[in-house]
Each structure stands twice: as C-alpha cells, then as structure tokens.
C-alpha cells in the first residue's frame, strides 16, 4: 500500500522546481544530492523532484547566506606607545 502511495506522487523537473521555488537548478540538484529534497535520479545529471517535498522545503524557514565578500574588521592602532600629549615637550614649562 505504501509503494502505491509513493508511485503516485507528482514529480517536477528541476526546471519546473526552479521556476516554482525561485531557486537555481544547480541549488535544487544540490538539495536532492544532500537528501534535503526528495526525488528520483535518472543517471548522473537528470533528476525529478517530488512536488510535496518541494512544498515542504519552501514552507520551512531558511537562513540566507552571505551576500558578498567578507569585509575585514577595521584594526585599531596596535602601537602601545604613550599618548602624544605625554611625549611632547612643552617649551613654556622650562622657563625659570
């Protein structure tokens, strides 16, 4: 009985799944290989996605990744010298 239910699941091509979800075909294929989406593999590069699996994946919240190169944090001055005011000689203080 369970085999009959699995065989009647609606299947989508990766192109159709991409259009529905807004994800790239490459990302959908990656999700299939990682078993985050359910589907069938017909050879090395041909996949179909089960529609109910795609709907469940879309309905769950996913944190987006970085949007570009990482920025290096601004480094503060790493010198440990005394403040400039303490180093400067006040010429008026030597007059006697």
C-alpha atoms as a PDB file:
ATOM      1  CA  UNK A   1       0.000   0.000   0.000  1.00  0.00           C
ATOM      2  CA  UNK A   2       2.812   2.413   0.842  1.00  0.00           C
ATOM      3  CA  UNK A   3       4.535   1.669  -2.502  1.00  0.00           C
ATOM      4  CA  UNK A   4       1.358   2.675  -4.347  1.00  0.00           C
ATOM      5  CA  UNK A   5       1.263   5.989  -2.478  1.00  0.00           C
ATOM      6  CA  UNK A   6       4.895   6.736  -3.347  1.00  0.00           C
ATOM      7  CA  UNK A   7       4.387   5.903  -7.019  1.00  0.00           C
ATOM      8  CA  UNK A   8       1.531   8.422  -7.329  1.00  0.00           C
ATOM      9  CA  UNK A   9       3.474  11.422  -6.076  1.00  0.00           C
ATOM     10  CA  UNK A  10       3.586  14.319  -8.524  1.00  0.00           C
ATOM     11  CA  UNK A  11       7.040  14.814  -9.983  1.00  0.00           C
ATOM     12  CA  UNK A  12       8.574  18.016 -11.311  1.00  0.00           C
ATOM     13  CA  UNK A  13      11.633  18.546 -13.438  1.00  0.00           C
ATOM     14  CA  UNK A  14      14.415  20.589 -11.891  1.00  0.00           C
ATOM     15  CA  UNK A  15      13.494  23.388 -14.331  1.00  0.00           C
ATOM     16  CA  UNK A  16       9.876  23.422 -13.107  1.00  0.00           C
ATOM     17  CA  UNK A  17      11.006  23.241  -9.483  1.00  0.00           C
ATOM     18  CA  UNK A  18      13.353  26.159 -10.125  1.00  0.00           C
ATOM     19  CA  UNK A  19      10.561  28.298 -11.555  1.00  0.00           C
ATOM     20  CA  UNK A  20       8.201  27.476  -8.678  1.00  0.00           C
ATOM     21  CA  UNK A  21      10.702  27.980  -5.864  1.00  0.00           C
ATOM     22  CA  UNK A  22      12.901  30.748  -7.230  1.00  0.00           C
ATOM     23  CA  UNK A  23      15.997  28.622  -6.526  1.00  0.00           C
ATOM     24  CA  UNK A  24      18.530  27.835  -9.235  1.00  0.00           C
ATOM     25  CA  UNK A  25      18.535  24.428 -10.899  1.00  0.00           C
ATOM     26  CA  UNK A  26      22.023  23.794  -9.538  1.00  0.00           C
ATOM     27  CA  UNK A  27      20.861  24.507  -5.993  1.00  0.00           C
ATOM     28  CA  UNK A  28      17.865  22.201  -6.376  1.00  0.00           C
ATOM     29  CA  UNK A  29      20.156  19.438  -7.636  1.00  0.00           C
ATOM     30  CA  UNK A  30      22.442  20.037  -4.661  1.00  0.00           C
ATOM     31  CA  UNK A  31      19.477  19.757  -2.284  1.00  0.00           C
ATOM     32  CA  UNK A  32      18.476  16.495  -3.950  1.00  0.00           C
ATOM     33  CA  UNK A  33      22.000  15.078  -3.580  1.00  0.00           C
ATOM     34  CA  UNK A  34      22.045  16.139   0.086  1.00  0.00           C
ATOM     35  CA  UNK A  35      18.610  14.479   0.579  1.00  0.00           C
ATOM     36  CA  UNK A  36      17.076  17.791   1.711  1.00  0.00           C
ATOM     37  CA  UNK A  37      14.619  17.368  -1.162  1.00  0.00           C
ATOM     38  CA  UNK A  38      13.080  14.079  -2.219  1.00  0.00           C
ATOM     39  CA  UNK A  39      13.148  12.986  -5.821  1.00  0.00           C
ATOM     40  CA  UNK A  40      14.457  10.450  -8.273  1.00  0.00           C
ATOM     41  CA  UNK A  41      17.724  10.280 -10.153  1.00  0.00           C
ATOM     42  CA  UNK A  42      17.807   9.015 -13.735  1.00  0.00           C
ATOM     43  CA  UNK A  43      21.508   8.772 -14.446  1.00  0.00           C
ATOM     44  CA  UNK A  44      24.118  11.263 -13.346  1.00  0.00           C
ATOM     45  CA  UNK A  45      22.525  14.550 -14.269  1.00  0.00           C
ATOM     46  CA  UNK A  46      18.785  14.003 -14.682  1.00  0.00           C
ATOM     47  CA  UNK A  47      16.604  14.486 -11.599  1.00  0.00           C
ATOM     48  CA  UNK A  48      12.931  14.845 -10.825  1.00  0.00           C
ATOM     49  CA  UNK A  49      11.649  16.431  -7.629  1.00  0.00           C
ATOM     50  CA  UNK A  50       8.559  15.317  -5.730  1.00  0.00           C
ATOM     51  CA  UNK A  51       6.186  18.299  -5.591  1.00  0.00           C
ATOM     52  CA  UNK A  52       5.165  17.677  -1.975  1.00  0.00           C
ATOM     53  CA  UNK A  53       8.813  17.594  -0.920  1.00  0.00           C
ATOM     54  CA  UNK A  54       9.464  20.918  -2.655  1.00  0.00           C
ATOM     55  CA  UNK A  55       6.407  22.479  -0.980  1.00  0.00           C
ATOM     56  CA  UNK A  56       7.600  21.350   2.463  1.00  0.00           C
ATOM     57  CA  UNK A  57      11.092  22.706   1.782  1.00  0.00           C
ATOM     58  CA  UNK A  58       9.761  26.089   0.644  1.00  0.00           C
ATOM     59  CA  UNK A  59       7.460  26.329   3.686  1.00  0.00           C
ATOM     60  CA  UNK A  60      10.349  25.951   6.154  1.00  0.00           C
ATOM     61  CA  UNK A  61      12.423  28.976   7.153  1.00  0.00           C
ATOM     62  CA  UNK A  62      15.972  29.048   5.806  1.00  0.00           C
ATOM     63  CA  UNK A  63      18.676  31.464   6.823  1.00  0.00           C
ATOM     64  CA  UNK A  64      20.202  33.219   3.842  1.00  0.00           C
ATOM     65  CA  UNK A  65      23.921  33.018   3.273  1.00  0.00           C
ATOM     66  CA  UNK A  66      26.473  35.796   2.904  1.00  0.00           C
ATOM     67  CA  UNK A  67      25.776  38.359   0.206  1.00  0.00           C
ATOM     68  CA  UNK A  68      29.305  39.049  -0.931  1.00  0.00           C
ATOM     69  CA  UNK A  69      32.923  39.013   0.098  1.00  0.00           C
ATOM     70  CA  UNK A  70      33.672  39.243   3.777  1.00  0.00           C
ATOM     71  CA  UNK A  71      34.887  42.601   4.953  1.00  0.00           C
ATOM     72  CA  UNK A  72      37.929  42.758   7.154  1.00  0.00           C
ATOM     73  CA  UNK A  73      37.265  44.434  10.508  1.00  0.00           C
ATOM     74  CA  UNK A  74      38.875  47.836  10.991  1.00  0.00           C
ATOM     75  CA  UNK A  75      42.037  47.348  13.003  1.00  0.00           C
ATOM     76  CA  UNK A  76      42.755  49.822  15.763  1.00  0.00           C
ATOM     77  CA  UNK A  77      46.229  51.169  16.178  1.00  0.00           C
ATOM     78  CA  UNK A  78      48.285  48.332  17.550  1.00  0.00           C
ATOM     79  CA  UNK A  79      51.082  50.522  18.873  1.00  0.00           C
ATOM     80  CA  UNK A  80      51.322  50.675  22.654  1.00  0.00           C
ATOM     81  CA  UNK A  81      53.228  53.929  22.873  1.00  0.00           C
ATOM     82  CA  UNK A  82      52.319  56.673  25.308  1.00  0.00           C
ATOM     83  CA  UNK A  83      49.805  59.300  24.246  1.00  0.00           C
ATOM     84  CA  UNK A  84      51.196  62.066  22.085  1.00  0.00           C
ATOM     85  CA  UNK A  85      50.480  64.731  24.733  1.00  0.00           C
ATOM     86  CA  UNK A  86      52.738  62.997  27.256  1.00  0.00           C
ATOM     87  CA  UNK A  87      55.592  62.740  24.780  1.00  0.00           C
ATOM     88  CA  UNK A  88      55.542  66.329  23.562  1.00  0.00           C
ATOM     89  CA  UNK A  89      57.768  68.751  25.382  1.00  0.00           C
ATOM     90  CA  UNK A  90      56.095  71.966  26.433  1.00  0.00           C
ATOM     91  CA  UNK A  91      58.674  74.723  25.783  1.00  0.00           C
ATOM     92  CA  UNK A  92      56.990  77.156  28.195  1.00  0.00           C
ATOM     93  CA  UNK A  93      57.468  74.860  31.204  1.00  0.00           C
ATOM     94  CA  UNK A  94      61.298  75.052  31.163  1.00  0.00           C
ATOM     95  CA  UNK A  95      61.462  78.841  31.618  1.00  0.00           C
ATOM     96  CA  UNK A  96      62.669  79.863  35.043  1.00  0.00           C
END
